[in-house]
Amino acid sequence: CRMLGAKVEAFDENGKPVLDELGEMVITQPMPSMPV
């Protein structure tokens, strides 16, 4: 799974989220343990 609080998406070459396709892993929302 994608873990709780981690807004992980797979982006295609146009920067749009895709399902069941290979894409660039992105996180679109902040998380507290991202670097300060």
PDB file of all heavy atoms in Angstrom:
ATOM      1  N   CYS A   1       0.828  -1.217   0.000  1.00  0.00           N
ATOM      2  CA  CYS A   1       0.000   0.000   0.000  1.00  0.00           C
ATOM      3  C   CYS A   1       0.854   1.255   0.000  1.00  0.00           C
ATOM      4  O   CYS A   1       2.051   1.227   0.303  1.00  0.00           O
ATOM      5  CB  CYS A   1      -0.894   0.019   1.243  1.00  0.00           C
ATOM      6  SG  CYS A   1       0.029   0.224   2.790  1.00  0.00           S
ATOM      7  N   ARG A   2       0.195   2.355  -0.321  1.00  0.00           N
ATOM      8  CA  ARG A   2       0.733   3.676  -0.026  1.00  0.00           C
ATOM      9  C   ARG A   2       0.418   3.944   1.440  1.00  0.00           C
ATOM     10  O   ARG A   2      -0.717   3.745   1.888  1.00  0.00           O
ATOM     11  CB  ARG A   2       0.071   4.711  -0.931  1.00  0.00           C
ATOM     12  CG  ARG A   2       0.454   4.558  -2.379  1.00  0.00           C
ATOM     13  CD  ARG A   2      -0.305   5.488  -3.300  1.00  0.00           C
ATOM     14  NE  ARG A   2      -1.643   5.009  -3.606  1.00  0.00           N
ATOM     15  CZ  ARG A   2      -2.479   5.610  -4.439  1.00  0.00           C
ATOM     16  NH1 ARG A   2      -2.115   6.738  -5.037  1.00  0.00           N
ATOM     17  NH2 ARG A   2      -3.671   5.109  -4.683  1.00  0.00           N
ATOM     18  N   MET A   3       1.417   4.384   2.197  1.00  0.00           N
ATOM     19  CA  MET A   3       1.239   4.498   3.639  1.00  0.00           C
ATOM     20  C   MET A   3       0.391   5.714   3.998  1.00  0.00           C
ATOM     21  O   MET A   3       0.281   6.673   3.229  1.00  0.00           O
ATOM     22  CB  MET A   3       2.601   4.510   4.336  1.00  0.00           C
ATOM     23  CG  MET A   3       3.209   3.096   4.336  1.00  0.00           C
ATOM     24  SD  MET A   3       4.928   2.971   4.834  1.00  0.00           S
ATOM     25  CE  MET A   3       4.890   3.554   6.497  1.00  0.00           C
ATOM     26  N   LEU A   4      -0.220   5.642   5.167  1.00  0.00           N
ATOM     27  CA  LEU A   4      -1.106   6.712   5.619  1.00  0.00           C
ATOM     28  C   LEU A   4      -0.362   8.043   5.649  1.00  0.00           C
ATOM     29  O   LEU A   4       0.792   8.121   6.091  1.00  0.00           O
ATOM     30  CB  LEU A   4      -1.663   6.392   7.005  1.00  0.00           C
ATOM     31  CG  LEU A   4      -2.557   5.155   7.098  1.00  0.00           C
ATOM     32  CD1 LEU A   4      -2.952   4.892   8.552  1.00  0.00           C
ATOM     33  CD2 LEU A   4      -3.806   5.298   6.225  1.00  0.00           C
ATOM     34  N   GLY A   5      -1.019   9.078   5.168  1.00  0.00           N
ATOM     35  CA  GLY A   5      -0.416  10.414   5.173  1.00  0.00           C
ATOM     36  C   GLY A   5       0.552  10.667   4.042  1.00  0.00           C
ATOM     37  O   GLY A   5       1.059  11.777   3.917  1.00  0.00           O
ATOM     38  N   ALA A   6       0.824   9.636   3.213  1.00  0.00           N
ATOM     39  CA  ALA A   6       1.774   9.784   2.103  1.00  0.00           C
ATOM     40  C   ALA A   6       1.002   9.819   0.787  1.00  0.00           C
ATOM     41  O   ALA A   6       0.551   8.783   0.296  1.00  0.00           O
ATOM     42  CB  ALA A   6       2.774   8.632   2.108  1.00  0.00           C
ATOM     43  N   LYS A   7       0.845  11.009   0.218  1.00  0.00           N
ATOM     44  CA  LYS A   7       0.052  11.177  -1.013  1.00  0.00           C
ATOM     45  C   LYS A   7       0.930  10.854  -2.219  1.00  0.00           C
ATOM     46  O   LYS A   7       1.434  11.723  -2.933  1.00  0.00           O
ATOM     47  CB  LYS A   7      -0.482  12.610  -1.103  1.00  0.00           C
ATOM     48  CG  LYS A   7      -1.438  12.844  -2.275  1.00  0.00           C
ATOM     49  CD  LYS A   7      -2.804  12.249  -1.997  1.00  0.00           C
ATOM     50  CE  LYS A   7      -3.893  12.836  -2.888  1.00  0.00           C
ATOM     51  NZ  LYS A   7      -3.822  12.405  -4.287  1.00  0.00           N
ATOM     52  N   VAL A   8       1.151   9.555  -2.416  1.00  0.00           N
ATOM     53  CA  VAL A   8       2.017   9.055  -3.482  1.00  0.00           C
ATOM     54  C   VAL A   8       1.194   8.873  -4.752  1.00  0.00           C
ATOM     55  O   VAL A   8       0.104   8.296  -4.726  1.00  0.00           O
ATOM     56  CB  VAL A   8       2.653   7.711  -3.071  1.00  0.00           C
ATOM     57  CG1 VAL A   8       3.463   7.119  -4.228  1.00  0.00           C
ATOM     58  CG2 VAL A   8       3.532   7.883  -1.840  1.00  0.00           C
ATOM     59  N   GLU A   9       1.731   9.366  -5.858  1.00  0.00           N
ATOM     60  CA  GLU A   9       1.101   9.156  -7.163  1.00  0.00           C
ATOM     61  C   GLU A   9       2.166   8.737  -8.176  1.00  0.00           C
ATOM     62  O   GLU A   9       3.367   8.978  -7.969  1.00  0.00           O
ATOM     63  CB  GLU A   9       0.436  10.453  -7.668  1.00  0.00           C
ATOM     64  CG  GLU A   9      -0.613  11.055  -6.756  1.00  0.00           C
ATOM     65  CD  GLU A   9      -1.960  10.349  -6.824  1.00  0.00           C
ATOM     66  OE1 GLU A   9      -2.053   9.287  -7.487  1.00  0.00           O
ATOM     67  OE2 GLU A   9      -2.913  10.857  -6.212  1.00  0.00           O
ATOM     68  N   ALA A  10       1.716   8.106  -9.259  1.00  0.00           N
ATOM     69  CA  ALA A  10       2.582   7.841 -10.417  1.00  0.00           C
ATOM     70  C   ALA A  10       2.198   8.845 -11.496  1.00  0.00           C
ATOM     71  O   ALA A  10       1.040   8.880 -11.916  1.00  0.00           O
ATOM     72  CB  ALA A  10       2.393   6.414 -10.909  1.00  0.00           C
ATOM     73  N   PHE A  11       3.155   9.683 -11.917  1.00  0.00           N
ATOM     74  CA  PHE A  11       2.888  10.710 -12.926  1.00  0.00           C
ATOM     75  C   PHE A  11       3.382  10.245 -14.302  1.00  0.00           C
ATOM     76  O   PHE A  11       4.479   9.682 -14.418  1.00  0.00           O
ATOM     77  CB  PHE A  11       3.614  12.014 -12.572  1.00  0.00           C
ATOM     78  CG  PHE A  11       2.814  12.956 -11.708  1.00  0.00           C
ATOM     79  CD1 PHE A  11       1.694  12.531 -11.014  1.00  0.00           C
ATOM     80  CD2 PHE A  11       3.191  14.292 -11.590  1.00  0.00           C
ATOM     81  CE1 PHE A  11       0.959  13.410 -10.220  1.00  0.00           C
ATOM     82  CE2 PHE A  11       2.467  15.180 -10.801  1.00  0.00           C
ATOM     83  CZ  PHE A  11       1.342  14.732 -10.111  1.00  0.00           C
ATOM     84  N   ASP A  12       2.567  10.500 -15.326  1.00  0.00           N
ATOM     85  CA  ASP A  12       3.032  10.234 -16.687  1.00  0.00           C
ATOM     86  C   ASP A  12       3.899  11.397 -17.171  1.00  0.00           C
ATOM     87  O   ASP A  12       4.182  12.335 -16.419  1.00  0.00           O
ATOM     88  CB  ASP A  12       1.845   9.971 -17.627  1.00  0.00           C
ATOM     89  CG  ASP A  12       0.945  11.195 -17.820  1.00  0.00           C
ATOM     90  OD1 ASP A  12       1.341  12.316 -17.431  1.00  0.00           O
ATOM     91  OD2 ASP A  12      -0.171  11.027 -18.351  1.00  0.00           O
ATOM     92  N   GLU A  13       4.308  11.332 -18.451  1.00  0.00           N
ATOM     93  CA  GLU A  13       5.228  12.354 -18.968  1.00  0.00           C
ATOM     94  C   GLU A  13       4.592  13.740 -19.017  1.00  0.00           C
ATOM     95  O   GLU A  13       5.291  14.749 -19.149  1.00  0.00           O
ATOM     96  CB  GLU A  13       5.751  11.961 -20.363  1.00  0.00           C
ATOM     97  CG  GLU A  13       4.683  11.746 -21.411  1.00  0.00           C
ATOM     98  CD  GLU A  13       4.140  10.313 -21.421  1.00  0.00           C
ATOM     99  OE1 GLU A  13       4.365   9.577 -20.440  1.00  0.00           O
ATOM    100  OE2 GLU A  13       3.488   9.954 -22.412  1.00  0.00           O
ATOM    101  N   ASN A  14       3.247  13.807 -18.901  1.00  0.00           N
ATOM    102  CA  ASN A  14       2.564  15.100 -18.888  1.00  0.00           C
ATOM    103  C   ASN A  14       2.278  15.599 -17.474  1.00  0.00           C
ATOM    104  O   ASN A  14       1.579  16.599 -17.291  1.00  0.00           O
ATOM    105  CB  ASN A  14       1.244  14.989 -19.667  1.00  0.00           C
ATOM    106  CG  ASN A  14       1.470  14.614 -21.123  1.00  0.00           C
ATOM    107  OD1 ASN A  14       2.332  15.191 -21.780  1.00  0.00           O
ATOM    108  ND2 ASN A  14       0.726  13.630 -21.610  1.00  0.00           N
ATOM    109  N   GLY A  15       2.803  14.892 -16.472  1.00  0.00           N
ATOM    110  CA  GLY A  15       2.595  15.304 -15.094  1.00  0.00           C
ATOM    111  C   GLY A  15       1.188  15.019 -14.590  1.00  0.00           C
ATOM    112  O   GLY A  15       0.701  15.705 -13.687  1.00  0.00           O
ATOM    113  N   LYS A  16       0.546  13.977 -15.144  1.00  0.00           N
ATOM    114  CA  LYS A  16      -0.796  13.587 -14.716  1.00  0.00           C
ATOM    115  C   LYS A  16      -0.738  12.218 -14.030  1.00  0.00           C
ATOM    116  O   LYS A  16      -0.014  11.327 -14.477  1.00  0.00           O
ATOM    117  CB  LYS A  16      -1.749  13.505 -15.925  1.00  0.00           C
ATOM    118  CG  LYS A  16      -1.868  14.801 -16.712  1.00  0.00           C
ATOM    119  CD  LYS A  16      -2.465  15.927 -15.884  1.00  0.00           C
ATOM    120  CE  LYS A  16      -2.627  17.206 -16.701  1.00  0.00           C
ATOM    121  NZ  LYS A  16      -3.035  18.344 -15.855  1.00  0.00           N
ATOM    122  N   PRO A  17      -1.531  12.033 -12.946  1.00  0.00           N
ATOM    123  CA  PRO A  17      -1.507  10.740 -12.261  1.00  0.00           C
ATOM    124  C   PRO A  17      -2.097   9.635 -13.131  1.00  0.00           C
ATOM    125  O   PRO A  17      -3.094   9.846 -13.835  1.00  0.00           O
ATOM    126  CB  PRO A  17      -2.365  10.980 -11.008  1.00  0.00           C
ATOM    127  CG  PRO A  17      -3.165  12.207 -11.284  1.00  0.00           C
ATOM    128  CD  PRO A  17      -2.405  13.010 -12.278  1.00  0.00           C
ATOM    129  N   VAL A  18      -1.449   8.461 -13.100  1.00  0.00           N
ATOM    130  CA  VAL A  18      -1.919   7.313 -13.881  1.00  0.00           C
ATOM    131  C   VAL A  18      -2.048   6.096 -12.977  1.00  0.00           C
ATOM    132  O   VAL A  18      -1.362   5.979 -11.959  1.00  0.00           O
ATOM    133  CB  VAL A  18      -0.970   6.991 -15.059  1.00  0.00           C
ATOM    134  CG1 VAL A  18      -1.021   8.083 -16.105  1.00  0.00           C
ATOM    135  CG2 VAL A  18       0.470   6.786 -14.578  1.00  0.00           C
ATOM    136  N   LEU A  19      -2.935   5.186 -13.357  1.00  0.00           N
ATOM    137  CA  LEU A  19      -3.143   3.933 -12.632  1.00  0.00           C
ATOM    138  C   LEU A  19      -2.795   2.773 -13.555  1.00  0.00           C
ATOM    139  O   LEU A  19      -3.113   2.804 -14.750  1.00  0.00           O
ATOM    140  CB  LEU A  19      -4.604   3.824 -12.184  1.00  0.00           C
ATOM    141  CG  LEU A  19      -4.967   2.631 -11.282  1.00  0.00           C
ATOM    142  CD1 LEU A  19      -4.329   2.778  -9.908  1.00  0.00           C
ATOM    143  CD2 LEU A  19      -6.490   2.513 -11.147  1.00  0.00           C
ATOM    144  N   ASP A  20      -2.112   1.779 -13.002  1.00  0.00           N
ATOM    145  CA  ASP A  20      -1.742   0.573 -13.743  1.00  0.00           C
ATOM    146  C   ASP A  20      -0.815   0.873 -14.922  1.00  0.00           C
ATOM    147  O   ASP A  20      -0.802   0.160 -15.912  1.00  0.00           O
ATOM    148  CB  ASP A  20      -3.003  -0.170 -14.222  1.00  0.00           C
ATOM    149  CG  ASP A  20      -2.752  -1.675 -14.384  1.00  0.00           C
ATOM    150  OD1 ASP A  20      -1.821  -2.187 -13.728  1.00  0.00           O
ATOM    151  OD2 ASP A  20      -3.478  -2.320 -15.160  1.00  0.00           O
ATOM    152  N   GLU A  21      -0.066   1.961 -14.796  1.00  0.00           N
ATOM    153  CA  GLU A  21       0.966   2.306 -15.777  1.00  0.00           C
ATOM    154  C   GLU A  21       2.208   2.757 -15.027  1.00  0.00           C
ATOM    155  O   GLU A  21       2.108   3.370 -13.963  1.00  0.00           O
ATOM    156  CB  GLU A  21       0.516   3.466 -16.679  1.00  0.00           C
ATOM    157  CG  GLU A  21      -0.581   3.138 -17.667  1.00  0.00           C
ATOM    158  CD  GLU A  21      -0.955   4.375 -18.484  1.00  0.00           C
ATOM    159  OE1 GLU A  21      -0.068   5.235 -18.725  1.00  0.00           O
ATOM    160  OE2 GLU A  21      -2.137   4.485 -18.849  1.00  0.00           O
ATOM    161  N   LEU A  22       3.386   2.480 -15.617  1.00  0.00           N
ATOM    162  CA  LEU A  22       4.618   2.975 -15.013  1.00  0.00           C
ATOM    163  C   LEU A  22       4.652   4.497 -15.071  1.00  0.00           C
ATOM    164  O   LEU A  22       4.285   5.094 -16.086  1.00  0.00           O
ATOM    165  CB  LEU A  22       5.833   2.413 -15.750  1.00  0.00           C
ATOM    166  CG  LEU A  22       6.286   1.002 -15.353  1.00  0.00           C
ATOM    167  CD1 LEU A  22       7.424   0.544 -16.254  1.00  0.00           C
ATOM    168  CD2 LEU A  22       6.737   0.968 -13.898  1.00  0.00           C
ATOM    169  N   GLY A  23       5.069   5.096 -13.986  1.00  0.00           N
ATOM    170  CA  GLY A  23       5.163   6.549 -13.949  1.00  0.00           C
ATOM    171  C   GLY A  23       6.195   7.014 -12.939  1.00  0.00           C
ATOM    172  O   GLY A  23       6.768   6.215 -12.189  1.00  0.00           O
ATOM    173  N   GLU A  24       6.424   8.305 -12.942  1.00  0.00           N
ATOM    174  CA  GLU A  24       7.369   8.931 -12.010  1.00  0.00           C
ATOM    175  C   GLU A  24       6.720   9.013 -10.628  1.00  0.00           C
ATOM    176  O   GLU A  24       5.596   9.498 -10.486  1.00  0.00           O
ATOM    177  CB  GLU A  24       7.687  10.330 -12.519  1.00  0.00           C
ATOM    178  CG  GLU A  24       8.828  11.010 -11.833  1.00  0.00           C
ATOM    179  CD  GLU A  24      10.186  10.557 -12.316  1.00  0.00           C
ATOM    180  OE1 GLU A  24      10.447  10.575 -13.535  1.00  0.00           O
ATOM    181  OE2 GLU A  24      10.998  10.197 -11.439  1.00  0.00           O
ATOM    182  N   MET A  25       7.422   8.526  -9.589  1.00  0.00           N
ATOM    183  CA  MET A  25       6.870   8.570  -8.234  1.00  0.00           C
ATOM    184  C   MET A  25       6.963   9.990  -7.685  1.00  0.00           C
ATOM    185  O   MET A  25       8.033  10.577  -7.610  1.00  0.00           O
ATOM    186  CB  MET A  25       7.629   7.619  -7.315  1.00  0.00           C
ATOM    187  CG  MET A  25       7.151   7.629  -5.878  1.00  0.00           C
ATOM    188  SD  MET A  25       8.032   6.370  -4.917  1.00  0.00           S
ATOM    189  CE  MET A  25       7.500   6.790  -3.257  1.00  0.00           C
ATOM    190  N   VAL A  26       5.795  10.514  -7.285  1.00  0.00           N
ATOM    191  CA  VAL A  26       5.748  11.853  -6.696  1.00  0.00           C
ATOM    192  C   VAL A  26       4.936  11.805  -5.408  1.00  0.00           C
ATOM    193  O   VAL A  26       4.131  10.905  -5.185  1.00  0.00           O
ATOM    194  CB  VAL A  26       5.124  12.884  -7.663  1.00  0.00           C
ATOM    195  CG1 VAL A  26       5.942  13.014  -8.927  1.00  0.00           C
ATOM    196  CG2 VAL A  26       3.668  12.541  -7.981  1.00  0.00           C
ATOM    197  N   ILE A  27       5.176  12.811  -4.546  1.00  0.00           N
ATOM    198  CA  ILE A  27       4.390  12.987  -3.320  1.00  0.00           C
ATOM    199  C   ILE A  27       3.847  14.415  -3.399  1.00  0.00           C
ATOM    200  O   ILE A  27       4.615  15.380  -3.502  1.00  0.00           O
ATOM    201  CB  ILE A  27       5.240  12.756  -2.053  1.00  0.00           C
ATOM    202  CG1 ILE A  27       5.746  11.311  -2.014  1.00  0.00           C
ATOM    203  CG2 ILE A  27       4.417  13.019  -0.796  1.00  0.00           C
ATOM    204  CD1 ILE A  27       7.039  11.063  -2.725  1.00  0.00           C
ATOM    205  N   THR A  28       2.525  14.533  -3.357  1.00  0.00           N
ATOM    206  CA  THR A  28       1.912  15.824  -3.662  1.00  0.00           C
ATOM    207  C   THR A  28       1.466  16.605  -2.427  1.00  0.00           C
ATOM    208  O   THR A  28       0.972  17.721  -2.567  1.00  0.00           O
ATOM    209  CB  THR A  28       0.701  15.635  -4.600  1.00  0.00           C
ATOM    210  OG1 THR A  28      -0.284  14.835  -3.933  1.00  0.00           O
ATOM    211  CG2 THR A  28       1.105  14.961  -5.895  1.00  0.00           C
ATOM    212  N   GLN A  29       1.629  16.013  -1.233  1.00  0.00           N
ATOM    213  CA  GLN A  29       1.277  16.708   0.010  1.00  0.00           C
ATOM    214  C   GLN A  29       2.447  16.610   0.987  1.00  0.00           C
ATOM    215  O   GLN A  29       3.201  15.631   0.972  1.00  0.00           O
ATOM    216  CB  GLN A  29       0.033  16.087   0.655  1.00  0.00           C
ATOM    217  CG  GLN A  29      -1.252  16.277  -0.133  1.00  0.00           C
ATOM    218  CD  GLN A  29      -1.840  17.677   0.009  1.00  0.00           C
ATOM    219  OE1 GLN A  29      -1.193  18.585   0.509  1.00  0.00           O
ATOM    220  NE2 GLN A  29      -3.065  17.851  -0.452  1.00  0.00           N
ATOM    221  N   PRO A  30       2.615  17.602   1.866  1.00  0.00           N
ATOM    222  CA  PRO A  30       3.724  17.555   2.834  1.00  0.00           C
ATOM    223  C   PRO A  30       3.530  16.461   3.877  1.00  0.00           C
ATOM    224  O   PRO A  30       2.407  16.019   4.142  1.00  0.00           O
ATOM    225  CB  PRO A  30       3.680  18.941   3.485  1.00  0.00           C
ATOM    226  CG  PRO A  30       2.270  19.407   3.312  1.00  0.00           C
ATOM    227  CD  PRO A  30       1.793  18.818   2.021  1.00  0.00           C
ATOM    228  N   MET A  31       4.637  16.017   4.467  1.00  0.00           N
ATOM    229  CA  MET A  31       4.642  15.068   5.579  1.00  0.00           C
ATOM    230  C   MET A  31       5.569  15.612   6.668  1.00  0.00           C
ATOM    231  O   MET A  31       6.583  16.251   6.356  1.00  0.00           O
ATOM    232  CB  MET A  31       5.136  13.696   5.122  1.00  0.00           C
ATOM    233  CG  MET A  31       4.217  12.995   4.136  1.00  0.00           C
ATOM    234  SD  MET A  31       4.971  11.485   3.476  1.00  0.00           S
ATOM    235  CE  MET A  31       5.090  10.468   4.962  1.00  0.00           C
ATOM    236  N   PRO A  32       5.268  15.356   7.935  1.00  0.00           N
ATOM    237  CA  PRO A  32       6.097  15.921   9.015  1.00  0.00           C
ATOM    238  C   PRO A  32       7.561  15.482   8.982  1.00  0.00           C
ATOM    239  O   PRO A  32       8.426  16.209   9.457  1.00  0.00           O
ATOM    240  CB  PRO A  32       5.411  15.414  10.289  1.00  0.00           C
ATOM    241  CG  PRO A  32       4.008  15.114   9.894  1.00  0.00           C
ATOM    242  CD  PRO A  32       4.079  14.656   8.468  1.00  0.00           C
ATOM    243  N   SER A  33       7.841  14.284   8.423  1.00  0.00           N
ATOM    244  CA  SER A  33       9.233  13.801   8.455  1.00  0.00           C
ATOM    245  C   SER A  33      10.023  14.155   7.204  1.00  0.00           C
ATOM    246  O   SER A  33      11.153  13.699   7.032  1.00  0.00           O
ATOM    247  CB  SER A  33       9.271  12.288   8.676  1.00  0.00           C
ATOM    248  OG  SER A  33       8.694  11.616   7.571  1.00  0.00           O
ATOM    249  N   MET A  34       9.428  14.968   6.319  1.00  0.00           N
ATOM    250  CA  MET A  34      10.253  15.525   5.237  1.00  0.00           C
ATOM    251  C   MET A  34      11.319  16.425   5.874  1.00  0.00           C
ATOM    252  O   MET A  34      11.127  16.939   6.972  1.00  0.00           O
ATOM    253  CB  MET A  34       9.379  16.319   4.266  1.00  0.00           C
ATOM    254  CG  MET A  34       8.542  15.427   3.361  1.00  0.00           C
ATOM    255  SD  MET A  34       7.426  16.384   2.302  1.00  0.00           S
ATOM    256  CE  MET A  34       6.807  15.094   1.217  1.00  0.00           C
ATOM    257  N   PRO A  35      12.467  16.593   5.229  1.00  0.00           N
ATOM    258  CA  PRO A  35      13.543  17.392   5.842  1.00  0.00           C
ATOM    259  C   PRO A  35      13.072  18.791   6.224  1.00  0.00           C
ATOM    260  O   PRO A  35      12.270  19.403   5.503  1.00  0.00           O
ATOM    261  CB  PRO A  35      14.609  17.466   4.746  1.00  0.00           C
ATOM    262  CG  PRO A  35      14.326  16.305   3.849  1.00  0.00           C
ATOM    263  CD  PRO A  35      12.850  16.082   3.895  1.00  0.00           C
ATOM    264  N   VAL A  36      13.581  19.296   7.355  1.00  0.00           N
ATOM    265  CA  VAL A  36      13.308  20.699   7.667  1.00  0.00           C
ATOM    266  C   VAL A  36      14.179  21.588   6.772  1.00  0.00           C
ATOM    267  O   VAL A  36      13.779  22.686   6.390  1.00  0.00           O
ATOM    268  CB  VAL A  36      13.537  21.028   9.169  1.00  0.00           C
ATOM    269  CG1 VAL A  36      12.333  20.616   9.976  1.00  0.00           C
ATOM    270  CG2 VAL A  36      14.794  20.380   9.731  1.00  0.00           C
TER     271      VAL A  36
END
